[in-house]
Amino acid sequence: MKTVNVSGLKNNPSEALRMAHEDMVLVMNRNEPDAVMVGLKSAKIIGMPGVRKAMATALFKDGNLSIARSAKLADMPLADFIAHVSRLGIPVVDQTAEEVQQDLDTLDEWLSQA
């Protein structure tokens, strides 16, 4: 196991990431263990069944990745990923009723010009 201080992580995150590819990295904060970094590929976690899909779903649900990037992370076609999150009750589009109405009005206007 390797260690890195929070300041070292802040100043040179790529070095900590390289170390995590080789072994687990313990992040120290004021001489106290604070976090552990694990290289997903080297630990063979990313290749385990369902891991990519679960990570992509959680990241999309929390708003950290777009639907397209989440589908790519999950290694799924976009339409399949949309169906997947929809089955889980995760909204694909997060809009208020007012925003939806504005979009529908814009669509009606656009269609009437065509």
Protein backbone atom coordinates (compact mmCIF):
# COMPACT_ATOMS: atom_id res chain seq x y z
CA MET A 1 0.00 0.00 0.00
CA LYS A 2 1.20 3.49 -0.83
CA THR A 3 0.36 6.79 0.86
CA VAL A 4 -0.19 10.35 -0.24
CA ASN A 5 -1.03 13.45 1.77
CA VAL A 6 -4.03 15.57 0.87
CA SER A 7 -1.69 18.38 -0.17
CA GLY A 8 0.21 15.99 -2.44
CA LEU A 9 -3.09 14.81 -3.90
CA LYS A 10 -4.11 18.41 -4.52
CA ASN A 11 -0.77 19.42 -6.06
CA ASN A 12 -0.23 16.33 -8.21
CA PRO A 13 -3.39 14.22 -8.58
CA SER A 14 -2.00 12.38 -11.61
CA GLU A 15 0.83 10.94 -9.50
CA ALA A 16 -1.64 9.57 -6.95
CA LEU A 17 -3.69 8.11 -9.79
CA ARG A 18 -0.61 6.41 -11.25
CA MET A 19 0.16 4.95 -7.82
CA ALA A 20 -3.44 3.70 -7.54
CA HIS A 21 -2.98 1.81 -10.80
CA GLU A 22 -0.22 -0.19 -9.13
CA ASP A 23 -1.53 -0.59 -5.58
CA MET A 24 -4.02 0.81 -3.10
CA VAL A 25 -3.23 4.38 -2.02
CA LEU A 26 -4.04 5.61 1.46
CA VAL A 27 -4.82 9.33 1.53
CA MET A 28 -3.63 10.95 4.74
CA ASN A 29 -5.12 14.15 6.12
CA ARG A 30 -3.16 15.75 8.98
CA ASN A 31 -1.46 12.44 9.76
CA GLU A 32 -4.79 10.61 9.91
CA PRO A 33 -6.03 8.09 7.33
CA ASP A 34 -8.84 9.75 5.39
CA ALA A 35 -9.56 7.78 2.21
CA VAL A 36 -8.38 4.93 0.04
CA MET A 37 -7.86 5.09 -3.70
CA VAL A 38 -8.13 1.85 -5.65
CA GLY A 39 -7.30 1.43 -9.33
CA LEU A 40 -10.41 -0.17 -10.81
CA LYS A 41 -8.57 -1.88 -13.65
CA SER A 42 -5.67 -3.18 -11.58
CA ALA A 43 -8.03 -4.50 -8.91
CA LYS A 44 -10.10 -6.08 -11.70
CA ILE A 45 -13.21 -4.42 -10.30
CA ILE A 46 -14.27 -2.65 -13.49
CA GLY A 47 -14.51 -5.93 -15.38
CA MET A 48 -16.80 -7.62 -12.86
CA PRO A 49 -20.35 -8.23 -14.11
CA GLY A 50 -22.68 -5.29 -13.53
CA VAL A 51 -20.06 -2.90 -12.13
CA ARG A 52 -19.97 -0.56 -15.12
CA LYS A 53 -23.76 -0.43 -15.31
CA ALA A 54 -24.10 0.19 -11.56
CA MET A 55 -21.48 2.94 -11.57
CA ALA A 56 -23.01 4.62 -14.63
CA THR A 57 -26.49 4.44 -13.12
CA ALA A 58 -25.40 5.96 -9.81
CA LEU A 59 -23.39 8.72 -11.50
CA PHE A 60 -26.31 9.60 -13.79
CA LYS A 61 -28.85 9.51 -10.97
CA ASP A 62 -26.72 11.89 -8.88
CA GLY A 63 -26.28 14.25 -11.84
CA ASN A 64 -22.54 13.67 -12.17
CA LEU A 65 -22.68 12.28 -15.72
CA SER A 66 -24.93 13.00 -18.69
CA ILE A 67 -27.16 10.26 -20.04
CA ALA A 68 -24.86 9.82 -23.07
CA ARG A 69 -21.66 9.56 -21.01
CA SER A 70 -23.38 7.21 -18.57
CA ALA A 71 -24.45 4.94 -21.41
CA LYS A 72 -20.89 4.91 -22.70
CA LEU A 73 -19.51 4.07 -19.23
CA ALA A 74 -22.09 1.27 -18.92
CA ASP A 75 -20.98 0.05 -22.37
CA MET A 76 -24.61 0.11 -23.49
CA PRO A 77 -26.39 1.68 -26.46
CA LEU A 78 -28.03 4.95 -25.42
CA ALA A 79 -31.57 3.67 -25.98
CA ASP A 80 -30.90 0.61 -23.81
CA PHE A 81 -29.44 2.74 -21.02
CA ILE A 82 -32.44 5.07 -21.15
CA ALA A 83 -34.74 2.06 -20.84
CA HIS A 84 -32.60 0.72 -17.97
CA VAL A 85 -32.77 3.90 -15.87
CA SER A 86 -36.46 4.35 -16.70
CA ARG A 87 -37.22 0.87 -15.37
CA LEU A 88 -35.47 1.90 -12.14
CA GLY A 89 -37.70 4.98 -11.86
CA ILE A 90 -34.86 7.41 -12.53
CA PRO A 91 -36.11 10.31 -14.63
CA VAL A 92 -34.22 10.77 -17.87
CA VAL A 93 -35.42 14.35 -18.24
CA ASP A 94 -35.67 16.48 -15.12
CA GLN A 95 -37.93 19.43 -15.89
CA THR A 96 -40.69 21.34 -14.14
CA ALA A 97 -44.19 21.37 -15.62
CA GLU A 98 -43.58 24.94 -16.74
CA GLU A 99 -40.38 23.97 -18.58
CA VAL A 100 -42.17 21.07 -20.28
CA GLN A 101 -44.96 23.42 -21.38
CA GLN A 102 -42.42 25.88 -22.79
CA ASP A 103 -40.78 23.06 -24.74
CA LEU A 104 -44.14 21.91 -26.09
CA ASP A 105 -45.02 25.48 -27.13
CA THR A 106 -41.67 25.78 -28.91
CA LEU A 107 -42.28 22.46 -30.66
CA ASP A 108 -45.79 23.53 -31.74
CA GLU A 109 -44.35 26.80 -33.10
CA TRP A 110 -41.59 24.97 -34.92
CA LEU A 111 -44.02 22.42 -36.43
CA SER A 112 -46.40 25.15 -37.61
CA GLN A 113 -43.54 26.77 -39.57
CA ALA A 114 -42.54 23.55 -41.28
